[in-house]
C-alpha atoms as a PDB file:
ATOM      1  CA  MET A   1      75.129 111.551 188.936  1.00  0.00           C
ATOM      2  CA  LYS A   2      73.971 115.306 189.745  1.00  0.00           C
ATOM      3  CA  LYS A   3      77.366 116.668 190.168  1.00  0.00           C
ATOM      4  CA  ASN A   4      78.363 115.410 187.192  1.00  0.00           C
ATOM      5  CA  LEU A   5      75.980 116.666 184.907  1.00  0.00           C
ATOM      6  CA  THR A   6      76.405 119.721 186.749  1.00  0.00           C
ATOM      7  CA  PHE A   7      79.999 120.118 185.646  1.00  0.00           C
ATOM      8  CA  LEU A   8      78.958 119.082 182.354  1.00  0.00           C
ATOM      9  CA  LEU A   9      76.847 121.953 181.845  1.00  0.00           C
ATOM     10  CA  THR A  10      79.187 124.490 183.520  1.00  0.00           C
ATOM     11  CA  VAL A  11      81.929 123.245 181.201  1.00  0.00           C
ATOM     12  CA  LEU A  12      80.281 123.353 177.965  1.00  0.00           C
ATOM     13  CA  LEU A  13      78.779 127.033 178.855  1.00  0.00           C
ATOM     14  CA  THR A  14      81.872 127.945 179.720  1.00  0.00           C
ATOM     15  CA  VAL A  15      83.281 126.404 176.158  1.00  0.00           C
ATOM     16  CA  VAL A  16      80.408 127.989 174.511  1.00  0.00           C
ATOM     17  CA  SER A  17      80.902 131.634 175.857  1.00  0.00           C
ATOM     18  CA  VAL A  18      84.633 131.651 175.482  1.00  0.00           C
ATOM     19  CA  THR A  19      83.859 130.374 171.584  1.00  0.00           C
ATOM     20  CA  GLY A  20      81.615 133.310 171.224  1.00  0.00           C
ATOM     21  CA  LEU A  21      83.576 136.008 172.792  1.00  0.00           C
ATOM     22  CA  PHE A  22      86.656 135.489 170.226  1.00  0.00           C
ATOM     23  CA  ALA A  23      85.047 136.823 167.556  1.00  0.00           C
ATOM     24  CA  GLN A  24      86.014 140.682 166.992  1.00  0.00           C
ATOM     25  CA  ASN A  25      87.827 142.070 168.987  1.00  0.00           C
ATOM     26  CA  SER A  26      89.849 144.377 167.738  1.00  0.00           C
ATOM     27  CA  PHE A  27      89.843 146.957 165.062  1.00  0.00           C
ATOM     28  CA  SER A  28      92.093 149.879 162.725  1.00  0.00           C
ATOM     29  CA  VAL A  29      91.250 151.993 160.511  1.00  0.00           C
ATOM     30  CA  LYS A  30      93.204 152.265 156.782  1.00  0.00           C
ATOM     31  CA  TYR A  31      92.985 155.405 154.855  1.00  0.00           C
ATOM     32  CA  VAL A  32      93.130 155.043 151.069  1.00  0.00           C
ATOM     33  CA  GLY A  33      93.445 158.369 148.996  1.00  0.00           C
ATOM     34  CA  GLU A  34      92.645 157.643 144.932  1.00  0.00           C
ATOM     35  CA  ALA A  35      93.427 160.130 142.668  1.00  0.00           C
ATOM     36  CA  GLY A  36      90.695 161.734 140.400  1.00  0.00           C
ATOM     37  CA  GLY A  37      89.322 164.912 138.923  1.00  0.00           C
ATOM     38  CA  ILE A  38      91.042 167.755 139.218  1.00  0.00           C
ATOM     39  CA  ASN A  39      91.504 168.397 143.274  1.00  0.00           C
ATOM     40  CA  PRO A  40      94.393 166.417 144.598  1.00  0.00           C
ATOM     41  CA  THR A  41      93.885 163.575 147.383  1.00  0.00           C
ATOM     42  CA  PRO A  42      94.185 164.856 151.120  1.00  0.00           C
ATOM     43  CA  VAL A  43      97.478 163.706 152.704  1.00  0.00           C
ATOM     44  CA  SER A  44      95.983 162.752 155.732  1.00  0.00           C
ATOM     45  CA  ILE A  45      92.699 162.433 157.299  1.00  0.00           C
ATOM     46  CA  LYS A  46      90.928 162.503 161.236  1.00  0.00           C
ATOM     47  CA  VAL A  47      89.322 159.958 161.838  1.00  0.00           C
ATOM     48  CA  GLU A  48      87.255 160.168 165.234  1.00  0.00           C
ATOM     49  CA  ALA A  49      85.768 156.496 166.613  1.00  0.00           C
ATOM     50  CA  ASP A  50      82.940 156.231 169.102  1.00  0.00           C
ATOM     51  CA  TYR A  51      82.664 152.617 170.285  1.00  0.00           C
ATOM     52  CA  ASP A  52      82.234 150.143 173.616  1.00  0.00           C
ATOM     53  CA  ARG A  53      84.785 148.039 174.572  1.00  0.00           C
ATOM     54  CA  HIS A  54      83.731 145.116 176.440  1.00  0.00           C
ATOM     55  CA  LYS A  55      85.871 143.422 178.708  1.00  0.00           C
ATOM     56  CA  HIS A  56      84.495 139.667 179.498  1.00  0.00           C
ATOM     57  CA  ILE A  57      85.383 137.868 182.680  1.00  0.00           C
ATOM     58  CA  ILE A  58      84.630 134.055 182.479  1.00  0.00           C
ATOM     59  CA  SER A  59      84.819 132.224 185.791  1.00  0.00           C
ATOM     60  CA  PRO A  60      81.807 129.674 186.171  1.00  0.00           C
ATOM     61  CA  PRO A  61      79.381 130.162 188.070  1.00  0.00           C
ATOM     62  CA  ASN A  62      79.860 134.080 188.071  1.00  0.00           C
ATOM     63  CA  SER A  63      80.946 135.603 185.199  1.00  0.00           C
ATOM     64  CA  SER A  64      80.643 139.461 183.908  1.00  0.00           C
ATOM     65  CA  THR A  65      81.227 141.944 181.338  1.00  0.00           C
ATOM     66  CA  GLN A  66      82.690 145.360 181.987  1.00  0.00           C
ATOM     67  CA  THR A  67      81.652 148.342 179.210  1.00  0.00           C
ATOM     68  CA  THR A  68      83.978 151.554 178.371  1.00  0.00           C
ATOM     69  CA  PRO A  69      82.539 153.732 176.020  1.00  0.00           C
ATOM     70  CA  VAL A  70      85.508 155.483 174.227  1.00  0.00           C
ATOM     71  CA  LEU A  71      85.211 158.434 171.720  1.00  0.00           C
ATOM     72  CA  GLU A  72      88.563 159.190 170.340  1.00  0.00           C
ATOM     73  CA  SER A  73      90.283 160.841 167.371  1.00  0.00           C
ATOM     74  CA  LYS A  74      93.580 159.933 165.072  1.00  0.00           C
ATOM     75  CA  HIS A  75      95.336 161.217 162.245  1.00  0.00           C
ATOM     76  CA  ILE A  76      95.688 159.253 159.756  1.00  0.00           C
ATOM     77  CA  ALA A  77      98.298 159.652 156.355  1.00  0.00           C
ATOM     78  CA  ASN A  78      97.461 158.228 152.950  1.00  0.00           C
ATOM     79  CA  GLY A  79      98.426 154.594 152.559  1.00  0.00           C
ATOM     80  CA  GLY A  80      98.554 154.563 156.792  1.00  0.00           C
ATOM     81  CA  THR A  81      96.896 152.188 159.047  1.00  0.00           C
ATOM     82  CA  VAL A  82      95.932 153.244 163.052  1.00  0.00           C
ATOM     83  CA  ALA A  83      95.303 150.982 165.534  1.00  0.00           C
ATOM     84  CA  TYR A  84      91.911 151.831 167.308  1.00  0.00           C
ATOM     85  CA  LEU A  85      91.533 149.019 169.950  1.00  0.00           C
ATOM     86  CA  SER A  86      94.634 146.285 170.234  1.00  0.00           C
ATOM     87  CA  ALA A  87      93.554 142.670 170.490  1.00  0.00           C
ATOM     88  CA  PRO A  88      94.153 142.118 174.788  1.00  0.00           C
ATOM     89  CA  ALA A  89      96.934 139.011 175.565  1.00  0.00           C
ATOM     90  CA  PRO A  90      95.619 135.964 175.456  1.00  0.00           C
ATOM     91  CA  SER A  91      93.887 134.518 178.921  1.00  0.00           C
ATOM     92  CA  PRO A  92      91.435 131.331 179.101  1.00  0.00           C
ATOM     93  CA  ASN A  93      89.264 133.445 181.730  1.00  0.00           C
ATOM     94  CA  THR A  94      88.983 137.086 180.035  1.00  0.00           C
ATOM     95  CA  GLY A  95      87.996 138.267 176.639  1.00  0.00           C
ATOM     96  CA  GLN A  96      87.389 141.264 174.871  1.00  0.00           C
ATOM     97  CA  THR A  97      84.584 142.823 172.203  1.00  0.00           C
ATOM     98  CA  PHE A  98      83.684 145.878 170.921  1.00  0.00           C
ATOM     99  CA  GLU A  99      80.205 147.917 169.364  1.00  0.00           C
ATOM    100  CA  LEU A 100      81.304 150.579 167.208  1.00  0.00           C
ATOM    101  CA  PHE A 101      78.674 153.298 166.722  1.00  0.00           C
ATOM    102  CA  HIS A 102      80.232 155.519 164.584  1.00  0.00           C
ATOM    103  CA  LEU A 103      83.185 156.965 162.697  1.00  0.00           C
ATOM    104  CA  LYS A 104      83.684 160.396 161.559  1.00  0.00           C
ATOM    105  CA  VAL A 105      86.196 161.033 158.418  1.00  0.00           C
ATOM    106  CA  VAL A 106      87.160 164.776 158.392  1.00  0.00           C
ATOM    107  CA  TRP A 107      90.087 166.184 155.475  1.00  0.00           C
ATOM    108  CA  ASN A 108      90.984 169.492 154.752  1.00  0.00           C
ATOM    109  CA  ALA A 109      90.320 170.987 151.450  1.00  0.00           C
ATOM    110  CA  THR A 110      93.446 170.680 149.148  1.00  0.00           C
ATOM    111  CA  GLY A 111      92.998 174.051 146.890  1.00  0.00           C
ATOM    112  CA  GLY A 112      94.652 176.390 149.294  1.00  0.00           C
ATOM    113  CA  LEU A 113      91.459 177.332 150.709  1.00  0.00           C
ATOM    114  CA  PRO A 114      90.763 176.879 154.473  1.00  0.00           C
ATOM    115  CA  LEU A 115      87.853 174.583 154.266  1.00  0.00           C
ATOM    116  CA  ALA A 116      87.333 171.600 156.176  1.00  0.00           C
ATOM    117  CA  PHE A 117      84.765 168.783 154.940  1.00  0.00           C
ATOM    118  CA  GLY A 118      83.358 165.743 156.945  1.00  0.00           C
ATOM    119  CA  CYS A 119      81.641 162.677 156.579  1.00  0.00           C
ATOM    120  CA  THR A 120      79.790 160.421 158.960  1.00  0.00           C
ATOM    121  CA  PHE A 121      79.232 156.522 159.113  1.00  0.00           C
ATOM    122  CA  ASN A 122      76.439 155.999 161.623  1.00  0.00           C
ATOM    123  CA  ASN A 123      75.769 152.521 163.251  1.00  0.00           C
ATOM    124  CA  ALA A 124      73.453 150.857 160.785  1.00  0.00           C
ATOM    125  CA  GLN A 125      75.738 151.991 157.861  1.00  0.00           C
ATOM    126  CA  ILE A 126      79.300 150.451 159.836  1.00  0.00           C
ATOM    127  CA  LEU A 127      76.592 147.374 160.225  1.00  0.00           C
ATOM    128  CA  ALA A 128      76.370 146.898 156.382  1.00  0.00           C
ATOM    129  CA  ALA A 129      80.113 147.412 155.615  1.00  0.00           C
ATOM    130  CA  ASN A 130      80.624 144.637 158.337  1.00  0.00           C
ATOM    131  CA  SER A 131      78.270 142.165 156.402  1.00  0.00           C
ATOM    132  CA  GLY A 132      80.084 142.580 152.999  1.00  0.00           C
ATOM    133  CA  ALA A 133      78.285 145.716 151.847  1.00  0.00           C
ATOM    134  CA  GLU A 134      80.963 148.587 150.972  1.00  0.00           C
ATOM    135  CA  ILE A 135      79.011 151.838 151.550  1.00  0.00           C
ATOM    136  CA  GLU A 136      79.356 155.075 149.550  1.00  0.00           C
ATOM    137  CA  ARG A 137      78.831 158.706 150.537  1.00  0.00           C
ATOM    138  CA  MET A 138      79.398 162.003 148.438  1.00  0.00           C
ATOM    139  CA  VAL A 139      80.485 164.820 149.962  1.00  0.00           C
ATOM    140  CA  SER A 140      81.185 168.286 148.094  1.00  0.00           C
ATOM    141  CA  GLY A 141      82.770 166.400 145.326  1.00  0.00           C
ATOM    142  CA  THR A 142      84.424 163.756 147.289  1.00  0.00           C
ATOM    143  CA  LYS A 143      83.369 159.848 146.925  1.00  0.00           C
ATOM    144  CA  VAL A 144      83.759 158.239 150.734  1.00  0.00           C
ATOM    145  CA  ARG A 145      83.815 154.997 151.030  1.00  0.00           C
ATOM    146  CA  LEU A 146      83.751 152.309 154.169  1.00  0.00           C
ATOM    147  CA  LYS A 147      84.887 149.090 153.783  1.00  0.00           C
ATOM    148  CA  ALA A 148      85.566 146.285 156.934  1.00  0.00           C
ATOM    149  CA  ILE A 149      88.043 143.371 156.152  1.00  0.00           C
ATOM    150  CA  TYR A 150      88.244 140.564 158.170  1.00  0.00           C
ATOM    151  CA  SER A 151      91.408 138.757 159.258  1.00  0.00           C
ATOM    152  CA  GLY A 152      90.834 136.165 162.075  1.00  0.00           C
ATOM    153  CA  THR A 153      89.617 138.349 165.202  1.00  0.00           C
ATOM    154  CA  HIS A 154      90.995 141.929 163.680  1.00  0.00           C
ATOM    155  CA  VAL A 155      88.832 144.488 161.685  1.00  0.00           C
ATOM    156  CA  LEU A 156      90.369 146.431 159.311  1.00  0.00           C
ATOM    157  CA  TYR A 157      87.917 149.271 158.082  1.00  0.00           C
ATOM    158  CA  GLN A 158      89.288 150.829 155.054  1.00  0.00           C
ATOM    159  CA  ILE A 159      88.299 153.932 154.490  1.00  0.00           C
ATOM    160  CA  THR A 160      88.522 155.426 151.044  1.00  0.00           C
ATOM    161  CA  LEU A 161      88.660 159.121 149.515  1.00  0.00           C
ATOM    162  CA  LYS A 162      88.877 160.017 145.646  1.00  0.00           C
ATOM    163  CA  PRO A 163      88.189 163.515 144.801  1.00  0.00           C
ATOM    164  CA  LEU A 164      86.432 163.972 141.908  1.00  0.00           C
END
């Protein structure tokens, strides 16, 4: 009886752990430039993502998590999407989640001036976007918006720039 109860609890905890793991396990960033005002939309932006990748290994009774800090920058053309963290191959004993700390957006002035502008979305703003809010900031006459769009276990962070 005791063995059956122990086995049942182990299976139940494993199912609960695996179900919790497959929340959001990958993300990408999309850049949308909207026309507006007298200034043209930047052709591309650079987005720096600071996040932790958590790899979960499930092998009852000894499960573990390995955390890897990642800081990477990628250029994204207007209308383009770039993957930062891809979903892992399906496996019954492993899973992946991430924790995003900041997204820094940098773009160059489009009026021929050698100027660069930047906007950083912090952890609290990213959490608000994850909860369904659209975050809006004003930087040097440009409206910068962040929105999280969910598709299964993937999160697409859409960054919209609209010069005023």
